[in-house]
Amino acid sequence: MSVDKNNNYNDPYFVGYYAMVNAFNGTNIRIGVKRSLNFIKVFFGAMDVILYQLDEHGNYIPLKDVSDVKNGFDINSQLLNISKDLLRKKEFLLLEPQNHKGITNIYYLPVSTHEHSYVLSFTNVHNEVCSLDQNSLYVLTQSIPIILERLEQFEKIQRSAYEDGLTGLYNRQKYKEKVGEIDRDLESPCVIAIFDLFRLKFINDNYSHQLGDQYILDAANILKKYFPEHIASYDKNGNVKYIPTGTTVYRIGGDEFLIISKTETEDLVNAKAQLAAEDVRKLSFAVQENIPVGLNYGISSRVAYEKSEEIFEAADKALQNDKREMYQALGLERRK
């Protein structure tokens, strides 16, 4: 992208206006936001413009799919997370890291929406077209949140197609898409575990659906604890990265959860499932009301089967056996 320097572009409001025009021009909002950040980058003569989002752990994570980067994320991200406490006290932060790996200056500009906090960083600004001064920074803090609000709305709609509304876990539709990936890669390991909440219908019918929803949420959180989608990894400077575990939890029905792991063995998944089931049995509401609850499960893997459908059927058969044994052990009649 090029900017015509012969025109009168020294008005900072030009930046905010055309940043929004670029972001909203088209149907793919992510491409629009990246186009907008590219416009800002060229306008200020920066080498990189990176958008970061503050996560629930208090760390700034680069949004790589919308950022416009040549130099890379590592040094920029390290400096940002080292300086994050100082940044929270300022309207913007200018660092001059003495030409560290080609970086001579970085501006960090905090911006916020109703839902999230962000930082917009500019690397190696050399004021080729327009000065990145106080007026320009102010305009960006007003215009960029409007762009980000639209991005958040888009992502919320997109997530709703693949997320369970109660637990925030991936839903059956997302699971079906994952199954397609598994069957296209028959050489990779795969473990499937199916879980069923013991007597959820009984709790809904005899206590309340509100208590039943709490039962579902508690079980979902326990499964997420033992089968996290990401784990934190810290470097020598204390910076954190979240590494995918290769394991994902889905809610595929009212009382059913499912786990797919491409990195853990069947024995490890079984050991974690036992711990999760024990935690569910100890849920406070069940102990207080003396309600027998539990988490039945069945597990199978590609060690014995190839196609995902075969693995699923074997895991489901093991689940049904586990449920039958629990009903018999408690002397309860199983609902039809």
Protein backbone atom coordinates (compact mmCIF):
# COMPACT_ATOMS: atom_id res chain seq x y z
CA MET A 1 0.00 0.00 0.00
CA SER A 2 1.24 3.51 -0.73
CA VAL A 3 0.33 6.93 0.62
CA ASP A 4 0.47 10.00 -1.60
CA LYS A 5 2.68 12.45 0.33
CA ASN A 6 1.79 15.34 -2.01
CA ASN A 7 -1.68 15.59 -0.47
CA ASN A 8 -2.32 17.43 2.79
CA TYR A 9 -2.29 14.47 5.19
CA ASN A 10 -1.02 16.28 8.28
CA ASP A 11 -4.46 16.29 9.87
CA PRO A 12 -4.47 13.36 12.34
CA TYR A 13 -8.23 12.89 11.91
CA PHE A 14 -7.46 11.71 8.40
CA VAL A 15 -5.76 8.70 9.98
CA GLY A 16 -8.71 7.75 12.15
CA TYR A 17 -11.24 8.24 9.37
CA TYR A 18 -9.41 6.21 6.75
CA ALA A 19 -8.44 3.54 9.28
CA MET A 20 -12.16 2.92 9.82
CA VAL A 21 -12.91 3.10 6.08
CA ASN A 22 -10.32 0.40 5.46
CA ALA A 23 -11.58 -1.77 8.32
CA PHE A 24 -15.25 -1.62 7.29
CA ASN A 25 -14.73 -1.99 3.54
CA GLY A 26 -15.63 -5.61 2.79
CA THR A 27 -17.23 -8.61 4.43
CA ASN A 28 -14.18 -10.19 6.10
CA ILE A 29 -13.63 -8.08 9.20
CA ARG A 30 -10.23 -9.63 10.00
CA ILE A 31 -8.89 -8.70 6.59
CA GLY A 32 -10.41 -5.25 7.07
CA VAL A 33 -8.70 -4.74 10.43
CA LYS A 34 -5.37 -5.90 9.00
CA ARG A 35 -5.84 -3.52 6.06
CA SER A 36 -6.57 -0.74 8.54
CA LEU A 37 -3.43 -1.44 10.57
CA ASN A 38 -1.41 -1.57 7.36
CA PHE A 39 -2.75 1.86 6.46
CA ILE A 40 -1.71 3.22 9.86
CA LYS A 41 1.71 1.60 9.52
CA VAL A 42 2.40 3.19 6.15
CA PHE A 43 0.98 6.53 7.23
CA PHE A 44 3.38 6.84 10.15
CA GLY A 45 6.29 5.17 8.38
CA ALA A 46 6.47 2.36 10.92
CA MET A 47 8.15 -0.98 10.33
CA ASP A 48 5.57 -3.01 12.29
CA VAL A 49 2.13 -2.38 13.74
CA ILE A 50 1.04 -5.09 16.16
CA LEU A 51 -2.28 -5.39 17.99
CA TYR A 52 -2.18 -7.08 21.41
CA GLN A 53 -5.06 -8.22 23.60
CA LEU A 54 -4.86 -8.47 27.39
CA ASP A 55 -5.77 -12.02 28.39
CA GLU A 56 -7.31 -13.30 31.62
CA HIS A 57 -3.85 -13.90 33.06
CA GLY A 58 -2.79 -10.26 32.66
CA ASN A 59 -0.50 -10.88 29.69
CA TYR A 60 -0.60 -9.18 26.31
CA ILE A 61 -1.05 -11.69 23.50
CA PRO A 62 -0.37 -10.60 19.88
CA LEU A 63 -3.31 -10.96 17.50
CA LYS A 64 -1.18 -12.30 14.69
CA ASP A 65 -3.92 -12.73 12.11
CA VAL A 66 -4.68 -9.00 12.00
CA SER A 67 -1.27 -7.46 12.74
CA ASP A 68 1.05 -6.21 10.00
CA VAL A 69 4.56 -7.36 10.80
CA LYS A 70 7.96 -7.65 9.11
CA ASN A 71 10.39 -7.77 12.02
CA GLY A 72 8.58 -10.43 14.07
CA PHE A 73 6.69 -10.64 17.35
CA ASP A 74 9.25 -11.89 19.88
CA ILE A 75 11.25 -8.80 20.90
CA ASN A 76 8.24 -6.52 20.69
CA SER A 77 6.17 -8.85 22.88
CA GLN A 78 8.95 -9.28 25.44
CA LEU A 79 9.40 -5.53 25.85
CA LEU A 80 5.65 -5.01 26.14
CA ASN A 81 5.12 -7.61 28.87
CA ILE A 82 8.17 -6.37 30.78
CA SER A 83 6.78 -2.80 30.62
CA LYS A 84 3.08 -3.59 31.15
CA ASP A 85 2.91 -2.20 34.70
CA LEU A 86 4.46 1.08 33.56
CA LEU A 87 2.15 1.20 30.55
CA ARG A 88 -0.99 1.00 32.70
CA LYS A 89 -0.01 4.30 34.32
CA LYS A 90 0.45 6.20 31.05
CA GLU A 91 -1.58 7.29 28.04
CA PHE A 92 1.15 5.87 25.85
CA LEU A 93 4.67 4.55 26.31
CA LEU A 94 7.73 5.22 24.14
CA LEU A 95 10.68 2.83 24.42
CA GLU A 96 14.01 3.35 22.70
CA PRO A 97 15.86 0.04 23.05
CA GLN A 98 19.13 1.25 21.47
CA ASN A 99 18.79 -0.50 18.14
CA HIS A 100 18.15 -3.87 19.73
CA LYS A 101 17.82 -6.32 16.81
CA GLY A 102 17.06 -3.47 14.45
CA ILE A 103 14.48 -1.78 16.70
CA THR A 104 15.21 1.87 17.50
CA ASN A 105 11.85 2.92 18.96
CA ILE A 106 8.51 1.41 19.94
CA TYR A 107 5.31 3.24 20.80
CA TYR A 108 2.79 1.31 22.92
CA LEU A 109 -0.70 2.81 22.83
CA PRO A 110 -3.38 1.33 25.15
CA VAL A 111 -6.93 1.21 23.77
CA SER A 112 -10.07 -0.38 25.22
CA THR A 113 -13.51 -1.58 24.23
CA HIS A 114 -16.40 -2.51 26.50
CA GLU A 115 -15.13 -6.09 26.69
CA HIS A 116 -11.34 -6.08 26.34
CA SER A 117 -8.14 -4.10 26.79
CA TYR A 118 -5.65 -3.86 23.93
CA VAL A 119 -2.31 -2.31 23.10
CA LEU A 120 -1.37 -1.04 19.65
CA SER A 121 2.39 -1.00 19.10
CA PHE A 122 4.36 0.87 16.43
CA THR A 123 7.95 -0.18 15.74
CA ASN A 124 10.62 2.09 14.22
CA VAL A 125 8.38 5.09 13.57
CA HIS A 126 10.38 7.56 11.48
CA ASN A 127 7.67 10.17 10.81
CA GLU A 128 8.05 9.86 7.07
CA VAL A 129 4.50 10.91 6.28
CA CYS A 130 2.86 12.24 9.43
CA SER A 131 4.06 12.85 12.97
CA LEU A 132 2.98 10.31 15.59
CA ASP A 133 2.30 13.09 18.07
CA GLN A 134 -0.16 13.61 20.93
CA ASN A 135 -3.00 14.61 18.59
CA SER A 136 -2.51 11.55 16.39
CA LEU A 137 -2.35 9.24 19.38
CA TYR A 138 -5.57 10.74 20.75
CA VAL A 139 -7.38 10.19 17.46
CA LEU A 140 -6.21 6.59 17.34
CA THR A 141 -7.51 5.96 20.87
CA GLN A 142 -10.93 7.15 19.64
CA SER A 143 -11.07 5.40 16.26
CA ILE A 144 -9.32 2.08 16.92
CA PRO A 145 -11.86 0.94 19.60
CA ILE A 146 -14.67 1.39 17.06
CA ILE A 147 -12.83 -0.98 14.72
CA LEU A 148 -12.16 -3.45 17.53
CA GLU A 149 -15.80 -3.40 18.68
CA ARG A 150 -16.79 -4.61 15.23
CA LEU A 151 -14.10 -7.29 15.30
CA GLU A 152 -15.38 -8.49 18.69
CA GLN A 153 -18.97 -8.60 17.45
CA PHE A 154 -17.89 -10.63 14.44
CA GLU A 155 -15.91 -13.07 16.58
CA LYS A 156 -18.79 -13.40 19.05
CA ILE A 157 -21.14 -14.39 16.23
CA GLN A 158 -18.55 -16.79 14.87
CA ARG A 159 -17.97 -18.35 18.30
CA SER A 160 -21.69 -18.83 18.86
CA ALA A 161 -21.76 -21.25 15.92
CA TYR A 162 -19.14 -23.46 17.56
CA GLU A 163 -19.49 -22.88 21.31
CA ASP A 164 -21.94 -24.25 23.83
CA GLY A 165 -23.84 -21.32 25.29
CA LEU A 166 -23.83 -22.57 28.90
CA THR A 167 -20.28 -23.85 29.36
CA GLY A 168 -18.28 -22.05 26.66
CA LEU A 169 -16.94 -25.42 25.48
CA TYR A 170 -16.90 -26.35 21.81
CA ASN A 171 -20.20 -27.86 20.68
CA ARG A 172 -21.24 -30.85 18.58
CA GLN A 173 -20.84 -28.92 15.31
CA LYS A 174 -17.21 -28.17 16.14
CA TYR A 175 -16.71 -31.81 17.10
CA LYS A 176 -18.06 -32.94 13.71
CA GLU A 177 -15.56 -30.71 11.94
CA LYS A 178 -12.74 -32.07 14.10
CA VAL A 179 -13.76 -35.61 13.21
CA GLY A 180 -13.25 -34.75 9.54
CA GLU A 181 -9.68 -33.64 10.33
CA ILE A 182 -9.00 -36.85 12.26
CA ASP A 183 -10.19 -39.07 9.42
CA ARG A 184 -8.05 -37.20 6.91
CA ASP A 185 -4.95 -37.94 8.99
CA LEU A 186 -5.12 -41.63 9.84
CA GLU A 187 -1.45 -41.80 10.83
CA SER A 188 -1.77 -39.48 13.83
CA PRO A 189 -2.63 -40.81 17.30
CA CYS A 190 -6.13 -40.14 18.60
CA VAL A 191 -7.88 -40.86 21.89
CA ILE A 192 -11.60 -40.25 22.36
CA ALA A 193 -13.27 -40.19 25.78
CA ILE A 194 -17.03 -39.79 26.21
CA PHE A 195 -18.45 -38.57 29.53
CA ASP A 196 -22.01 -38.64 30.86
CA LEU A 197 -23.32 -36.75 33.89
CA PHE A 198 -24.92 -39.31 36.20
CA ARG A 199 -28.63 -38.58 36.89
CA LEU A 200 -28.77 -35.07 35.43
CA LYS A 201 -32.42 -35.58 34.47
CA PHE A 202 -33.24 -36.65 38.03
CA ILE A 203 -31.73 -33.42 39.39
CA ASN A 204 -33.58 -31.30 36.81
CA ASP A 205 -36.92 -33.01 37.54
CA ASN A 206 -36.68 -33.26 41.34
CA TYR A 207 -34.68 -30.17 42.32
CA SER A 208 -34.43 -27.50 39.61
CA HIS A 209 -33.02 -26.83 36.19
CA GLN A 210 -30.91 -24.12 37.80
CA LEU A 211 -29.22 -26.75 39.95
CA GLY A 212 -28.92 -28.96 36.88
CA ASP A 213 -27.17 -26.15 35.00
CA GLN A 214 -24.78 -25.70 37.91
CA TYR A 215 -24.06 -29.43 37.80
CA ILE A 216 -23.21 -29.13 34.09
CA LEU A 217 -21.02 -26.06 34.65
CA ASP A 218 -19.14 -27.63 37.55
CA ALA A 219 -18.46 -30.78 35.54
CA ALA A 220 -17.32 -28.73 32.53
CA ASN A 221 -14.87 -26.77 34.68
CA ILE A 222 -13.49 -29.96 36.19
CA LEU A 223 -12.93 -31.44 32.73
CA LYS A 224 -11.22 -28.23 31.60
CA LYS A 225 -8.97 -28.44 34.66
CA TYR A 226 -7.74 -31.93 33.82
CA PHE A 227 -7.85 -31.52 30.04
CA PRO A 228 -6.80 -27.91 29.32
CA GLU A 229 -6.59 -26.78 25.73
CA HIS A 230 -3.46 -24.69 26.47
CA ILE A 231 -0.76 -24.75 29.13
CA ALA A 232 1.43 -21.87 30.24
CA SER A 233 5.15 -21.92 29.48
CA TYR A 234 7.52 -19.30 30.91
CA ASP A 235 10.86 -18.23 29.46
CA LYS A 236 13.89 -17.09 31.49
CA ASN A 237 12.57 -13.52 31.53
CA GLY A 238 9.25 -14.55 33.03
CA ASN A 239 7.30 -14.02 29.81
CA VAL A 240 4.48 -16.47 29.29
CA LYS A 241 3.40 -18.34 26.19
CA TYR A 242 0.34 -20.55 25.97
CA ILE A 243 1.10 -23.80 24.20
CA PRO A 244 -1.65 -25.99 22.70
CA THR A 245 -1.93 -29.35 24.43
CA GLY A 246 -3.53 -31.16 21.51
CA THR A 247 -6.51 -32.02 23.73
CA THR A 248 -9.97 -30.47 23.45
CA VAL A 249 -13.18 -30.79 25.49
CA TYR A 250 -16.59 -30.65 23.77
CA ARG A 251 -20.14 -30.63 25.07
CA ILE A 252 -22.01 -32.76 22.54
CA GLY A 253 -25.37 -33.14 24.30
CA GLY A 254 -27.38 -32.18 27.36
CA ASP A 255 -25.48 -34.46 29.73
CA GLU A 256 -22.67 -35.59 27.42
CA PHE A 257 -19.11 -34.34 27.07
CA LEU A 258 -16.39 -35.64 24.81
CA ILE A 259 -12.62 -35.29 24.74
CA ILE A 260 -10.34 -35.71 21.76
CA SER A 261 -6.61 -35.92 22.40
CA LYS A 262 -3.93 -36.25 19.74
CA THR A 263 -1.05 -36.07 22.22
CA GLU A 264 -1.98 -38.12 25.30
CA THR A 265 -2.04 -41.89 25.68
CA GLU A 266 -5.19 -43.83 26.46
CA ASP A 267 -3.77 -44.70 29.90
CA LEU A 268 -3.09 -41.03 30.72
CA VAL A 269 -6.57 -39.97 29.60
CA ASN A 270 -8.03 -42.76 31.73
CA ALA A 271 -6.06 -41.64 34.79
CA LYS A 272 -7.23 -38.04 34.36
CA ALA A 273 -10.82 -39.19 33.77
CA GLN A 274 -10.75 -41.06 37.09
CA LEU A 275 -9.60 -37.89 38.88
CA ALA A 276 -12.30 -35.82 37.16
CA ALA A 277 -14.99 -38.36 38.11
CA GLU A 278 -13.83 -38.27 41.74
CA ASP A 279 -14.04 -34.46 41.78
CA VAL A 280 -17.60 -34.56 40.39
CA ARG A 281 -18.68 -37.01 43.09
CA LYS A 282 -17.47 -34.50 45.70
CA LEU A 283 -19.39 -31.49 44.34
CA SER A 284 -20.62 -29.44 47.28
CA PHE A 285 -24.30 -29.31 46.33
CA ALA A 286 -24.40 -33.11 46.00
CA VAL A 287 -22.71 -33.64 49.37
CA GLN A 288 -25.03 -31.16 51.12
CA GLU A 289 -28.22 -32.63 49.61
CA ASN A 290 -26.94 -36.23 49.70
CA ILE A 291 -27.56 -36.60 45.96
CA PRO A 292 -25.61 -39.36 44.19
CA VAL A 293 -23.84 -37.69 41.28
CA GLY A 294 -20.96 -38.77 39.11
CA LEU A 295 -19.22 -38.71 35.79
CA ASN A 296 -19.40 -41.95 33.83
CA TYR A 297 -16.98 -42.37 30.97
CA GLY A 298 -15.69 -44.64 28.25
CA ILE A 299 -12.41 -44.38 26.38
CA SER A 300 -10.98 -45.79 23.17
CA SER A 301 -8.16 -44.92 20.80
CA ARG A 302 -6.57 -45.42 17.42
CA VAL A 303 -4.41 -48.17 18.92
CA ALA A 304 -7.37 -50.52 18.43
CA TYR A 305 -9.36 -48.71 15.72
CA GLU A 306 -8.65 -46.50 12.73
CA LYS A 307 -11.69 -44.40 11.83
CA SER A 308 -13.11 -41.88 14.31
CA GLU A 309 -16.56 -43.51 14.10
CA GLU A 310 -15.10 -46.82 15.25
CA ILE A 311 -13.21 -45.17 18.10
CA PHE A 312 -16.37 -43.29 19.14
CA GLU A 313 -18.53 -46.45 19.10
CA ALA A 314 -16.02 -48.35 21.23
CA ALA A 315 -15.80 -45.48 23.74
CA ASP A 316 -19.61 -45.21 23.85
CA LYS A 317 -19.93 -48.95 24.52
CA ALA A 318 -17.49 -48.61 27.42
CA LEU A 319 -19.50 -45.62 28.70
CA GLN A 320 -22.75 -47.58 28.71
CA ASN A 321 -21.10 -50.40 30.67
CA ASP A 322 -19.79 -47.88 33.22
CA LYS A 323 -23.25 -46.32 33.65
CA ARG A 324 -24.88 -49.73 34.07
CA GLU A 325 -22.37 -50.71 36.74
CA MET A 326 -22.92 -47.47 38.68
CA TYR A 327 -26.72 -47.91 38.70
CA GLN A 328 -26.32 -51.49 39.88
CA ALA A 329 -23.81 -50.53 42.60
CA LEU A 330 -26.20 -47.87 43.97
CA GLY A 331 -29.28 -50.09 43.64
CA LEU A 332 -31.00 -47.53 41.43
CA GLU A 333 -33.34 -48.13 38.51
CA ARG A 334 -31.93 -46.80 35.28
CA ARG A 335 -34.23 -44.47 33.34
CA LYS A 336 -35.23 -45.60 29.89
